[in-house]
N, C-alpha and C. Protein backbone atom coordinates (compact mmCIF):
# COMPACT_ATOMS: atom_id res chain seq x y z
N MET A 1 18.10 76.82 15.63
CA MET A 1 19.51 76.22 16.07
C MET A 1 20.34 76.11 14.87
N GLN A 2 21.48 76.68 15.07
CA GLN A 2 22.56 76.79 13.94
C GLN A 2 23.23 75.50 13.76
N ASN A 3 23.19 74.69 14.77
CA ASN A 3 23.91 73.38 14.67
C ASN A 3 22.86 72.23 14.11
N LEU A 4 21.88 72.49 13.59
CA LEU A 4 20.91 71.48 12.92
C LEU A 4 20.47 71.79 11.48
N ARG A 5 20.49 70.79 10.68
CA ARG A 5 19.99 71.30 9.33
C ARG A 5 19.67 69.93 8.53
N ASN A 6 19.12 69.97 7.39
CA ASN A 6 18.73 68.83 6.52
C ASN A 6 17.77 67.99 7.37
N ILE A 7 16.63 68.50 7.93
CA ILE A 7 15.75 67.54 8.67
C ILE A 7 14.83 66.88 7.65
N LYS A 8 14.70 65.65 7.72
CA LYS A 8 13.81 64.84 6.95
C LYS A 8 12.96 63.87 7.71
N HIS A 9 11.63 64.01 7.58
CA HIS A 9 10.72 63.13 8.35
C HIS A 9 10.31 61.94 7.43
N VAL A 10 10.40 60.73 7.90
CA VAL A 10 9.86 59.40 7.25
C VAL A 10 8.99 58.79 8.22
N ASN A 11 7.61 58.79 7.72
CA ASN A 11 6.51 58.19 8.56
C ASN A 11 6.66 56.67 8.59
N LEU A 12 6.68 56.07 9.85
CA LEU A 12 6.85 54.63 9.78
C LEU A 12 5.58 54.08 10.22
N SER A 13 4.51 54.79 10.99
CA SER A 13 3.31 54.40 11.38
C SER A 13 2.45 55.60 11.76
N ASN A 14 1.24 55.43 11.46
CA ASN A 14 0.23 56.66 11.69
C ASN A 14 -1.12 55.92 12.24
N ASP A 15 -0.90 54.95 13.22
CA ASP A 15 -2.22 54.27 13.78
C ASP A 15 -2.65 54.97 14.97
N TRP A 16 -2.45 54.58 16.19
CA TRP A 16 -3.09 55.20 17.34
C TRP A 16 -2.32 56.57 17.50
N ALA A 17 -1.10 56.44 17.15
CA ALA A 17 -0.28 57.71 17.31
C ALA A 17 0.74 57.79 15.92
N LYS A 18 1.53 58.79 15.84
CA LYS A 18 2.33 58.79 14.65
C LYS A 18 3.83 58.52 15.07
N LEU A 19 4.41 57.64 14.52
CA LEU A 19 5.71 57.26 14.57
C LEU A 19 6.58 57.59 13.39
N ASP A 20 7.58 58.44 13.65
CA ASP A 20 8.39 58.94 12.53
C ASP A 20 9.84 58.60 12.67
N ARG A 21 10.57 58.38 11.61
CA ARG A 21 12.04 58.36 11.82
C ARG A 21 12.51 59.77 11.20
N ILE A 22 13.28 60.57 12.04
CA ILE A 22 13.76 61.82 11.52
C ILE A 22 15.18 61.79 11.41
N ASP A 23 15.61 62.02 10.13
CA ASP A 23 17.11 61.97 9.81
C ASP A 23 17.49 63.47 9.69
N TYR A 24 18.58 63.78 10.35
CA TYR A 24 18.99 65.12 10.34
C TYR A 24 20.60 65.28 10.47
N ASP A 25 21.24 66.37 10.15
CA ASP A 25 22.67 66.65 10.40
C ASP A 25 22.66 67.48 11.56
N TYR A 26 23.57 67.09 12.44
CA TYR A 26 23.87 67.72 13.69
C TYR A 26 25.32 68.19 13.84
N LYS A 27 25.61 69.42 14.20
CA LYS A 27 26.93 69.82 14.31
C LYS A 27 27.36 69.72 15.86
N PHE A 28 28.44 68.87 16.01
CA PHE A 28 28.90 68.72 17.38
C PHE A 28 29.80 69.79 17.89
N LYS A 29 30.22 69.88 19.08
CA LYS A 29 31.15 71.12 19.65
C LYS A 29 32.36 71.04 18.97
N ASN A 30 32.92 69.91 18.57
CA ASN A 30 34.15 69.87 17.78
C ASN A 30 34.17 70.33 16.48
N GLY A 31 32.96 70.68 15.98
CA GLY A 31 32.71 71.35 14.60
C GLY A 31 32.49 70.34 13.56
N GLU A 32 32.45 69.08 14.05
CA GLU A 32 32.10 68.00 13.01
C GLU A 32 30.58 67.86 12.75
N TRP A 33 30.13 67.80 11.57
CA TRP A 33 28.72 67.46 11.16
C TRP A 33 28.48 65.95 11.11
N LYS A 34 27.44 65.42 11.57
CA LYS A 34 27.14 63.98 11.55
C LYS A 34 25.60 63.94 10.98
N ARG A 35 25.54 62.99 10.15
CA ARG A 35 24.01 62.53 9.94
C ARG A 35 23.50 61.63 10.94
N LEU A 36 22.37 61.88 11.62
CA LEU A 36 21.79 61.14 12.72
C LEU A 36 20.38 60.85 12.29
N SER A 37 19.80 59.70 13.00
CA SER A 37 18.50 59.35 12.75
C SER A 37 17.85 58.90 14.05
N ARG A 38 16.74 59.48 14.43
CA ARG A 38 15.98 59.18 15.71
C ARG A 38 14.58 58.75 15.25
N GLU A 39 14.08 57.90 16.12
CA GLU A 39 12.53 57.69 15.97
C GLU A 39 11.75 58.54 17.08
N THR A 40 10.69 59.18 16.64
CA THR A 40 9.93 60.02 17.55
C THR A 40 8.54 59.32 17.50
N TYR A 41 7.92 59.37 18.52
CA TYR A 41 6.49 58.82 18.79
C TYR A 41 5.72 60.19 19.17
N ASN A 42 4.64 60.50 18.47
CA ASN A 42 3.75 61.63 18.64
C ASN A 42 2.46 61.35 18.86
N ARG A 43 2.04 61.26 20.07
CA ARG A 43 0.53 61.02 20.41
C ARG A 43 -0.01 62.25 20.91
N GLY A 44 0.56 63.41 20.69
CA GLY A 44 -0.10 64.76 21.17
C GLY A 44 0.51 64.99 22.68
N ASN A 45 -0.17 66.04 23.18
CA ASN A 45 0.26 66.37 24.46
C ASN A 45 -0.69 65.90 25.63
N GLY A 46 -0.50 66.05 26.80
CA GLY A 46 -1.38 65.45 27.80
C GLY A 46 -1.37 66.35 29.04
N ALA A 47 -2.24 66.06 29.83
CA ALA A 47 -2.43 66.70 31.09
C ALA A 47 -2.73 65.72 32.32
N ALA A 48 -2.35 66.01 33.46
CA ALA A 48 -2.54 65.11 34.59
C ALA A 48 -2.61 65.90 35.77
N ILE A 49 -3.40 65.34 36.78
CA ILE A 49 -3.90 66.02 37.95
C ILE A 49 -3.68 65.06 39.28
N LEU A 50 -3.31 65.67 40.22
CA LEU A 50 -3.28 64.97 41.67
C LEU A 50 -4.30 65.77 42.42
N LEU A 51 -5.45 65.14 42.65
CA LEU A 51 -6.48 65.40 43.59
C LEU A 51 -6.03 65.23 45.15
N TYR A 52 -6.07 66.23 45.95
CA TYR A 52 -5.91 66.00 47.28
C TYR A 52 -6.81 66.72 48.24
N ASN A 53 -7.07 66.13 49.52
CA ASN A 53 -8.06 66.68 50.54
C ASN A 53 -7.17 67.04 51.65
N SER A 54 -6.77 68.26 51.88
CA SER A 54 -6.17 68.60 53.04
C SER A 54 -6.71 68.20 54.44
N LYS A 55 -8.05 68.21 54.62
CA LYS A 55 -8.86 67.82 55.84
C LYS A 55 -8.56 66.56 56.02
N LYS A 56 -8.75 65.69 55.22
CA LYS A 56 -8.64 64.13 55.31
C LYS A 56 -7.10 63.64 55.18
N GLY A 57 -6.26 64.28 54.50
CA GLY A 57 -4.96 63.95 54.40
C GLY A 57 -4.86 62.87 53.21
N THR A 58 -5.80 62.92 52.37
CA THR A 58 -5.93 61.86 51.32
C THR A 58 -5.64 62.46 49.89
N VAL A 59 -5.50 61.45 48.97
CA VAL A 59 -5.39 61.63 47.47
C VAL A 59 -6.05 60.75 46.79
N ILE A 60 -6.38 61.13 45.55
CA ILE A 60 -7.03 60.23 44.58
C ILE A 60 -6.16 59.80 43.56
N LEU A 61 -6.09 58.46 43.37
CA LEU A 61 -5.16 57.87 42.28
C LEU A 61 -6.05 57.07 41.56
N THR A 62 -5.51 56.58 40.37
CA THR A 62 -6.09 55.58 39.65
C THR A 62 -5.38 54.27 39.43
N LYS A 63 -5.94 53.14 39.07
CA LYS A 63 -5.28 51.92 38.73
C LYS A 63 -5.80 51.43 37.47
N GLN A 64 -4.84 51.06 36.48
CA GLN A 64 -5.52 50.40 35.32
C GLN A 64 -4.33 49.82 34.48
N PHE A 65 -4.77 48.84 33.59
CA PHE A 65 -3.92 48.06 32.81
C PHE A 65 -3.06 48.90 31.66
N ARG A 66 -1.84 48.86 31.70
CA ARG A 66 -0.98 49.64 30.76
C ARG A 66 -0.11 48.54 30.09
N MET A 67 -0.46 48.24 28.77
CA MET A 67 0.37 47.43 27.82
C MET A 67 1.59 47.54 27.74
N PRO A 68 2.20 48.84 27.54
CA PRO A 68 3.72 49.04 27.41
C PRO A 68 4.44 48.66 28.78
N VAL A 69 3.75 48.78 29.88
CA VAL A 69 4.38 48.56 31.21
C VAL A 69 4.55 47.11 31.23
N TYR A 70 3.36 46.35 30.95
CA TYR A 70 3.33 44.95 31.05
C TYR A 70 4.39 44.37 30.08
N GLU A 71 4.39 44.95 28.96
CA GLU A 71 5.38 44.36 28.04
C GLU A 71 6.88 44.41 28.63
N ASN A 72 7.15 45.46 29.26
CA ASN A 72 8.35 45.52 29.90
C ASN A 72 8.57 44.59 31.16
N ASN A 73 7.50 44.46 31.88
CA ASN A 73 7.44 43.66 33.22
C ASN A 73 6.28 43.31 33.49
N GLU A 74 5.84 42.05 33.27
CA GLU A 74 4.32 41.45 33.40
C GLU A 74 3.80 41.76 34.78
N LEU A 75 4.78 41.85 35.80
CA LEU A 75 4.28 42.12 37.18
C LEU A 75 3.85 43.47 37.47
N GLU A 76 4.25 44.47 36.64
CA GLU A 76 3.83 45.81 36.74
C GLU A 76 2.80 46.29 35.91
N GLY A 77 2.08 45.43 35.14
CA GLY A 77 1.07 45.71 34.06
C GLY A 77 -0.09 46.53 34.62
N MET A 78 -0.48 46.54 36.06
CA MET A 78 -1.47 47.37 36.64
C MET A 78 -0.76 48.56 37.02
N SER A 79 -1.01 49.80 36.62
CA SER A 79 -0.26 50.85 36.94
C SER A 79 -1.08 51.81 37.81
N ILE A 80 -0.47 52.23 38.94
CA ILE A 80 -1.37 53.17 39.88
C ILE A 80 -0.57 54.60 39.43
N GLU A 81 -1.67 55.57 39.15
CA GLU A 81 -1.15 56.77 38.52
C GLU A 81 -2.22 57.90 39.05
N VAL A 82 -1.72 59.11 38.88
CA VAL A 82 -2.82 60.23 38.81
C VAL A 82 -3.77 60.15 37.71
N CYS A 83 -4.81 60.90 37.70
CA CYS A 83 -5.76 60.90 36.72
C CYS A 83 -5.06 61.81 35.61
N ALA A 84 -5.06 61.20 34.40
CA ALA A 84 -4.53 62.05 33.31
C ALA A 84 -5.29 61.70 31.92
N GLY A 85 -4.88 62.44 31.02
CA GLY A 85 -5.47 62.18 29.65
C GLY A 85 -4.87 62.88 28.48
N ALA A 86 -5.16 62.61 27.24
CA ALA A 86 -4.60 63.34 26.14
C ALA A 86 -5.38 64.65 25.90
N ILE A 87 -4.67 65.70 25.42
CA ILE A 87 -5.42 66.82 25.05
C ILE A 87 -6.10 66.74 23.75
N ASP A 88 -7.34 66.87 23.48
CA ASP A 88 -7.98 66.62 22.45
C ASP A 88 -8.24 67.89 21.68
N GLY A 89 -7.85 67.80 20.42
CA GLY A 89 -8.35 68.89 19.52
C GLY A 89 -7.80 70.26 19.95
N ASN A 90 -8.68 71.21 20.05
CA ASN A 90 -8.48 72.56 20.47
C ASN A 90 -8.47 72.86 21.92
N GLU A 91 -8.53 71.75 22.75
CA GLU A 91 -8.77 71.90 24.16
C GLU A 91 -7.51 72.54 24.79
N SER A 92 -7.66 73.23 25.88
CA SER A 92 -6.49 73.69 26.58
C SER A 92 -6.14 72.55 27.61
N PRO A 93 -5.01 72.79 28.20
CA PRO A 93 -4.65 71.70 29.18
C PRO A 93 -5.66 71.64 30.47
N ILE A 94 -5.96 72.90 30.94
CA ILE A 94 -6.95 72.93 32.06
C ILE A 94 -8.39 72.26 31.64
N GLU A 95 -8.78 72.60 30.37
CA GLU A 95 -10.20 72.03 29.94
C GLU A 95 -10.04 70.54 29.87
N THR A 96 -8.96 70.01 29.36
CA THR A 96 -8.59 68.58 29.44
C THR A 96 -8.72 68.02 30.81
N ILE A 97 -8.06 68.50 31.78
CA ILE A 97 -7.89 67.92 33.02
C ILE A 97 -9.26 68.06 33.87
N LEU A 98 -10.10 69.09 33.63
CA LEU A 98 -11.28 69.13 34.25
C LEU A 98 -12.07 67.96 33.60
N ARG A 99 -12.16 67.81 32.48
CA ARG A 99 -13.04 66.81 31.68
C ARG A 99 -12.56 65.36 32.20
N GLU A 100 -11.22 65.14 32.17
CA GLU A 100 -10.65 63.80 32.48
C GLU A 100 -10.82 63.51 34.04
N THR A 101 -10.96 64.47 34.93
CA THR A 101 -11.21 64.40 36.36
C THR A 101 -12.67 63.77 36.50
N GLU A 102 -13.61 64.29 35.90
CA GLU A 102 -14.87 63.78 35.91
C GLU A 102 -15.03 62.38 35.33
N GLU A 103 -14.29 62.19 34.03
CA GLU A 103 -14.54 60.81 33.34
C GLU A 103 -13.75 59.74 34.24
N GLU A 104 -12.68 60.01 34.76
CA GLU A 104 -11.81 58.91 35.39
C GLU A 104 -12.07 58.70 36.74
N VAL A 105 -12.23 59.83 37.50
CA VAL A 105 -12.35 59.57 38.99
C VAL A 105 -13.76 60.07 39.54
N GLY A 106 -14.56 60.64 38.71
CA GLY A 106 -15.89 61.05 39.26
C GLY A 106 -16.06 62.24 39.90
N TYR A 107 -15.03 63.14 39.76
CA TYR A 107 -15.13 64.49 40.61
C TYR A 107 -15.27 65.59 39.63
N GLU A 108 -16.28 66.50 40.08
CA GLU A 108 -16.35 67.76 39.25
C GLU A 108 -15.74 68.89 39.87
N ILE A 109 -14.48 69.34 39.30
CA ILE A 109 -13.88 70.42 39.98
C ILE A 109 -14.00 71.58 39.01
N ASP A 110 -13.98 72.72 39.65
CA ASP A 110 -14.08 73.89 38.66
C ASP A 110 -12.79 74.62 38.49
N ASN A 111 -11.65 74.23 39.05
CA ASN A 111 -10.31 74.78 38.76
C ASN A 111 -9.32 73.96 39.32
N ALA A 112 -8.10 74.18 38.80
CA ALA A 112 -6.99 73.42 39.09
C ALA A 112 -5.68 74.37 38.92
N LYS A 113 -4.62 74.18 39.66
CA LYS A 113 -3.45 74.97 39.46
C LYS A 113 -2.39 74.09 38.92
N GLN A 114 -1.99 74.70 37.67
CA GLN A 114 -0.79 73.96 37.03
C GLN A 114 0.54 74.37 37.92
N VAL A 115 1.24 73.26 37.93
CA VAL A 115 2.40 73.45 38.79
C VAL A 115 3.68 72.87 38.20
N LEU A 116 3.53 72.09 37.18
CA LEU A 116 4.78 71.66 36.38
C LEU A 116 4.34 71.34 34.94
N THR A 117 5.38 71.43 34.17
CA THR A 117 5.27 71.00 32.74
C THR A 117 6.48 70.19 32.46
N ALA A 118 6.38 69.07 31.91
CA ALA A 118 7.52 68.16 31.66
C ALA A 118 7.44 67.08 30.57
N TYR A 119 8.50 66.84 29.93
CA TYR A 119 8.59 65.85 29.07
C TYR A 119 9.11 64.63 29.65
N THR A 120 8.32 63.43 29.74
CA THR A 120 8.60 62.39 30.59
C THR A 120 9.62 61.31 29.87
N SER A 121 9.85 61.47 28.56
CA SER A 121 10.77 60.64 27.91
C SER A 121 11.21 61.39 26.70
N PRO A 122 12.00 62.54 26.76
CA PRO A 122 12.36 63.27 25.75
C PRO A 122 13.21 62.79 24.50
N GLY A 123 13.71 61.60 24.89
CA GLY A 123 14.55 60.92 23.89
C GLY A 123 13.85 60.21 22.84
N ALA A 124 12.51 59.91 23.10
CA ALA A 124 11.68 59.20 22.26
C ALA A 124 10.21 59.81 21.95
N LEU A 125 9.68 60.49 22.98
CA LEU A 125 8.41 60.90 23.00
C LEU A 125 8.30 62.39 22.77
N THR A 126 7.37 62.84 21.81
CA THR A 126 7.05 64.31 21.79
C THR A 126 6.15 64.97 22.57
N GLU A 127 5.51 64.24 23.55
CA GLU A 127 4.41 64.33 24.41
C GLU A 127 4.89 65.31 25.66
N LYS A 128 4.27 66.37 25.74
CA LYS A 128 4.62 67.24 26.87
C LYS A 128 3.45 67.15 27.87
N MET A 129 3.74 67.00 29.05
CA MET A 129 2.60 66.72 30.09
C MET A 129 2.59 68.15 30.91
N TYR A 130 1.32 68.47 31.04
CA TYR A 130 0.90 69.66 32.10
C TYR A 130 0.33 68.91 33.16
N LEU A 131 0.98 69.45 34.31
CA LEU A 131 0.81 68.79 35.55
C LEU A 131 0.09 69.76 36.63
N PHE A 132 -1.11 69.28 37.09
CA PHE A 132 -1.95 69.93 37.97
C PHE A 132 -2.10 69.48 39.32
N VAL A 133 -2.58 70.25 40.18
CA VAL A 133 -3.01 69.87 41.45
C VAL A 133 -4.35 70.53 41.94
N ALA A 134 -5.29 69.87 42.77
CA ALA A 134 -6.43 70.60 43.13
C ALA A 134 -6.93 69.94 44.29
N GLN A 135 -7.62 70.71 45.14
CA GLN A 135 -8.29 70.26 46.30
C GLN A 135 -9.58 69.54 45.86
N TYR A 136 -10.08 68.50 46.56
CA TYR A 136 -11.33 67.76 46.31
C TYR A 136 -12.02 67.70 47.58
N SER A 137 -13.32 67.43 47.51
CA SER A 137 -14.19 67.21 48.70
C SER A 137 -15.24 66.17 48.15
N GLU A 138 -15.94 65.64 49.26
CA GLU A 138 -16.92 64.73 48.83
C GLU A 138 -18.09 65.40 48.00
N GLU A 139 -18.34 66.59 48.30
CA GLU A 139 -19.48 67.31 47.69
C GLU A 139 -19.13 67.39 46.17
N MET A 140 -17.80 67.36 45.75
CA MET A 140 -17.62 67.28 44.38
C MET A 140 -17.76 65.98 43.57
N LYS A 141 -17.96 64.99 44.34
CA LYS A 141 -18.24 63.66 43.69
C LYS A 141 -19.49 63.58 42.82
N VAL A 142 -19.54 63.42 41.58
CA VAL A 142 -20.67 63.43 40.84
C VAL A 142 -20.94 62.09 40.09
N ASN A 143 -20.02 61.26 40.24
CA ASN A 143 -20.23 59.82 39.71
C ASN A 143 -19.17 58.96 40.23
N ASN A 144 -19.16 57.60 39.73
CA ASN A 144 -18.07 56.68 40.25
C ASN A 144 -16.74 56.67 39.49
N GLY A 145 -16.72 57.44 38.26
CA GLY A 145 -15.60 57.46 37.51
C GLY A 145 -15.44 56.14 36.82
N GLY A 146 -14.13 55.91 36.55
CA GLY A 146 -13.87 54.56 35.78
C GLY A 146 -13.55 54.63 34.48
N GLY A 147 -13.52 55.80 33.94
CA GLY A 147 -13.36 56.12 32.50
C GLY A 147 -14.55 55.78 31.62
N LEU A 148 -14.29 55.98 30.37
CA LEU A 148 -15.33 55.86 29.32
C LEU A 148 -15.13 54.58 28.57
N GLU A 149 -16.31 53.89 28.60
CA GLU A 149 -16.48 52.65 27.88
C GLU A 149 -16.08 52.86 26.46
N SER A 150 -16.51 53.87 25.84
CA SER A 150 -16.22 54.20 24.46
C SER A 150 -14.71 54.32 24.12
N GLU A 151 -13.82 54.57 25.22
CA GLU A 151 -12.48 54.56 24.97
C GLU A 151 -11.84 53.33 25.47
N ASP A 152 -12.57 52.32 25.86
CA ASP A 152 -12.09 51.11 26.37
C ASP A 152 -11.36 51.26 27.45
N GLU A 153 -11.85 52.15 28.34
CA GLU A 153 -11.10 52.40 29.64
C GLU A 153 -11.91 51.60 30.74
N GLU A 154 -10.93 50.98 31.59
CA GLU A 154 -11.55 50.41 32.90
C GLU A 154 -10.61 50.63 34.03
N ILE A 155 -10.99 51.69 34.79
CA ILE A 155 -10.15 52.45 35.71
C ILE A 155 -10.66 52.33 37.08
N GLU A 156 -9.87 51.92 37.88
CA GLU A 156 -10.20 51.72 39.46
C GLU A 156 -9.80 53.00 40.05
N VAL A 157 -10.66 53.59 40.95
CA VAL A 157 -10.51 54.84 41.60
C VAL A 157 -10.02 54.47 42.97
N ILE A 158 -8.84 55.01 43.53
CA ILE A 158 -8.26 54.69 44.65
C ILE A 158 -8.07 56.16 45.50
N GLU A 159 -8.76 56.04 46.56
CA GLU A 159 -8.66 57.24 47.57
C GLU A 159 -7.75 56.59 48.79
N LEU A 160 -6.58 57.27 49.17
CA LEU A 160 -5.76 56.75 50.07
C LEU A 160 -4.90 57.83 50.99
N PRO A 161 -4.48 57.57 52.05
CA PRO A 161 -3.64 58.61 52.75
C PRO A 161 -2.54 59.01 51.91
N PHE A 162 -2.29 60.27 52.01
CA PHE A 162 -1.20 60.65 51.22
C PHE A 162 0.23 60.20 51.62
N LEU A 163 0.34 59.94 52.90
CA LEU A 163 1.68 59.15 53.33
C LEU A 163 1.70 57.89 52.77
N ASP A 164 0.71 57.10 52.71
CA ASP A 164 0.64 55.66 52.10
C ASP A 164 1.08 55.87 50.73
N ALA A 165 0.74 56.87 49.79
CA ALA A 165 1.04 57.01 48.32
C ALA A 165 2.51 57.28 48.52
N ILE A 166 3.04 58.05 49.44
CA ILE A 166 4.55 58.37 49.43
C ILE A 166 5.34 57.02 49.56
N LYS A 167 4.83 56.28 50.54
CA LYS A 167 5.41 54.96 50.74
C LYS A 167 5.31 53.94 49.65
N MET A 168 4.29 54.15 48.78
CA MET A 168 4.20 53.26 47.53
C MET A 168 5.24 53.71 46.49
N ILE A 169 5.64 54.97 46.39
CA ILE A 169 6.69 55.37 45.63
C ILE A 169 8.02 54.72 46.12
N GLU A 170 8.33 54.64 47.31
CA GLU A 170 9.38 54.02 47.94
C GLU A 170 9.51 52.75 47.72
N SER A 171 8.33 51.95 47.89
CA SER A 171 8.28 50.50 47.61
C SER A 171 8.23 50.04 46.23
N GLY A 172 8.09 51.05 45.33
CA GLY A 172 8.10 50.64 43.80
C GLY A 172 6.76 50.14 43.37
N GLU A 173 5.64 50.50 44.17
CA GLU A 173 4.18 50.23 43.70
C GLU A 173 3.87 51.21 42.73
N ILE A 174 4.21 52.63 42.94
CA ILE A 174 3.94 53.66 42.02
C ILE A 174 5.28 53.87 41.37
N ILE A 175 5.31 53.63 40.07
CA ILE A 175 6.41 53.77 39.15
C ILE A 175 6.16 54.66 37.93
N ASP A 176 5.13 55.38 37.93
CA ASP A 176 4.78 56.33 36.82
C ASP A 176 5.32 57.71 37.29
N ALA A 177 6.01 58.21 36.20
CA ALA A 177 6.85 59.56 36.42
C ALA A 177 5.98 60.77 36.76
N LYS A 178 4.83 61.01 36.12
CA LYS A 178 4.04 62.19 36.43
C LYS A 178 3.52 62.08 37.72
N SER A 179 2.99 60.77 38.16
CA SER A 179 2.47 60.54 39.48
C SER A 179 3.41 60.77 40.49
N ILE A 180 4.73 60.30 40.38
CA ILE A 180 5.72 60.65 41.25
C ILE A 180 6.01 62.16 41.43
N MET A 181 6.16 62.88 40.35
CA MET A 181 6.38 64.25 40.21
C MET A 181 5.25 65.00 41.11
N LEU A 182 3.92 64.71 40.97
CA LEU A 182 2.98 65.32 41.45
C LEU A 182 2.95 64.99 42.82
N LEU A 183 3.15 63.92 43.50
CA LEU A 183 3.15 63.39 44.81
C LEU A 183 4.30 64.12 45.60
N GLN A 184 5.48 64.19 44.91
CA GLN A 184 6.62 64.87 45.52
C GLN A 184 6.40 66.34 45.60
N TYR A 185 5.64 66.95 44.59
CA TYR A 185 5.28 68.31 44.63
C TYR A 185 4.33 68.69 45.79
N LEU A 186 3.44 67.72 46.15
CA LEU A 186 2.68 67.94 47.49
C LEU A 186 3.67 67.97 48.75
N GLN A 187 4.51 66.97 48.53
CA GLN A 187 5.28 66.69 49.82
C GLN A 187 6.37 67.86 49.99
N ILE A 188 6.96 68.28 48.90
CA ILE A 188 8.06 69.44 48.88
C ILE A 188 7.12 70.77 49.39
N HIS A 189 6.17 71.01 48.95
CA HIS A 189 5.32 72.25 49.26
C HIS A 189 4.43 72.06 50.50
N LYS A 190 4.75 70.84 51.18
CA LYS A 190 3.86 70.51 52.39
C LYS A 190 2.34 71.07 52.34
N LEU A 191 1.83 70.46 51.24
CA LEU A 191 0.30 70.67 51.15
C LEU A 191 -0.44 69.72 51.82
N LEU A 192 0.14 68.58 52.21
CA LEU A 192 -0.42 67.64 53.16
C LEU A 192 0.73 66.99 53.98
N ASP A 193 0.42 66.72 55.22
CA ASP A 193 1.28 66.13 56.14
C ASP A 193 1.00 64.62 56.37
């Protein structure tokens, strides 16, 4: 980019993820250069999946405590979401989502279709989410899910009618962006009625 120069990273925290202040010069359309600073939070990229059963008309969601959501609104601390997780090391997004599906919701799937890629908060987070959908059936259930104790996960698995999930978006019960995008993807593409 020709309108960007003198980029300097200052690390503010490197705990669970990396928080940097990035100072840079940016040239605006009027030709003026300004020195700007932004904080960016880098926890890596992630993958998410919406499992759906076209015969039953159902979807699989999760419910778990989310401290950042609680911090913003105590009443919304228990978040209803699609299955998701961070991409570890050299894993591909598809490898991540196949692993997370078994760990979090207890289904072993052998493939999934990537339908979207999105930054959910590009003003502050570097995280890119790879979003998938896949069919599931009872034969694919290999355990109860719930996440990994070693990662301090306590995840409730929810199977519900697709139309109920859509209503939960409208009522504000589902407020997670990746989950809304994937549920609306199913709705737009009429994968479930």
